[in-house]
Structures are given as C-alpha cells and as structure tokens.
Protein backbone atom coordinates (compact mmCIF):
# COMPACT_ATOMS: atom_id res chain seq x y z
CA UNK A 1 -2.44 -10.08 0.15
CA UNK A 2 0.72 -10.57 2.13
CA UNK A 3 3.66 -8.52 3.34
CA UNK A 4 6.22 -8.13 0.56
CA UNK A 5 3.70 -8.29 -2.32
CA UNK A 6 3.73 -5.62 -5.02
CA UNK A 7 0.42 -3.82 -5.56
CA UNK A 8 -1.28 -0.94 -7.41
CA UNK A 9 -3.64 1.51 -5.72
CA UNK A 10 -7.06 1.56 -7.46
CA UNK A 11 -8.27 4.98 -8.58
CA UNK A 12 -4.88 6.58 -8.05
CA UNK A 13 -4.68 7.86 -11.62
CA UNK A 14 -1.03 6.89 -11.93
CA UNK A 15 0.43 3.43 -12.37
CA UNK A 16 2.80 3.44 -9.41
CA UNK A 17 3.71 0.17 -7.78
CA UNK A 18 4.17 -0.18 -4.06
CA UNK A 19 5.37 -2.97 -1.83
CA UNK A 20 3.33 -3.94 1.23
CA UNK A 21 5.46 -3.18 4.28
CA UNK A 22 2.98 -4.01 7.08
CA UNK A 23 -0.69 -4.02 8.06
CA UNK A 24 -2.43 -2.00 10.78
CA UNK A 25 -5.91 -0.77 11.74
CA UNK A 26 -7.20 2.76 12.18
CA UNK A 27 -9.35 3.96 15.10
CA UNK A 28 -12.55 2.75 13.43
CA UNK A 29 -11.09 -0.76 13.00
CA UNK A 30 -10.59 -0.51 9.24
CA UNK A 31 -7.64 -2.57 7.97
CA UNK A 32 -4.89 -0.48 6.36
CA UNK A 33 -1.80 -1.50 4.45
CA UNK A 34 1.43 0.43 4.96
CA UNK A 35 3.03 0.71 1.54
CA UNK A 36 6.56 1.71 0.68
CA UNK A 37 7.76 3.13 -2.60
CA UNK A 38 11.16 1.81 -3.68
CA UNK A 39 11.49 4.08 -6.71
CA UNK A 40 13.36 6.73 -4.71
CA UNK A 41 16.42 6.61 -2.49
CA UNK A 42 14.33 7.51 0.57
CA UNK A 43 11.30 5.44 1.46
CA UNK A 44 7.92 7.12 1.28
CA UNK A 45 5.27 5.33 3.33
CA UNK A 46 1.54 5.50 2.57
CA UNK A 47 -1.38 4.23 4.60
CA UNK A 48 -4.05 2.86 2.23
CA UNK A 49 -7.24 0.87 2.93
CA UNK A 50 -6.83 -2.74 1.80
CA UNK A 51 -10.00 -2.47 -0.36
CA UNK A 52 -8.21 0.04 -2.62
CA UNK A 53 -5.33 -2.30 -3.48
CA UNK A 54 -5.01 -4.65 -6.42
CA UNK A 55 -2.24 -7.19 -6.76
CA UNK A 56 -0.54 -7.79 -10.07
C-alpha cells in the first residue's frame, strides 16, 4: 500500500473508503496508516493498523 491509495477498513461494519495520507509507528513499533475521509468538507483523520486495511 502506498500514500494516496483508497482503502477500506476490515471489520469496520460500514463500507467507508479512506485515502492513505501518511504512515507512522506507535510506541510499540506497530506500523499505522493515517487515513483521511474526503466525504466531508473538513478532513477527519484516523490512525489504523496497516493489517486492518484492504485495498480495492
């Protein structure tokens, strides 16, 4: 997965699509993706583990 790709979050229950904004790591060293939601006028950022993402 790369920055700018559109993804779904597995197990979210809703079929929202997010765009990958950036990558980071938490204190334990786990890789997280910073996702932004473009469906609203203001951006909402979410930090999600990369394992929970699926590209479409």
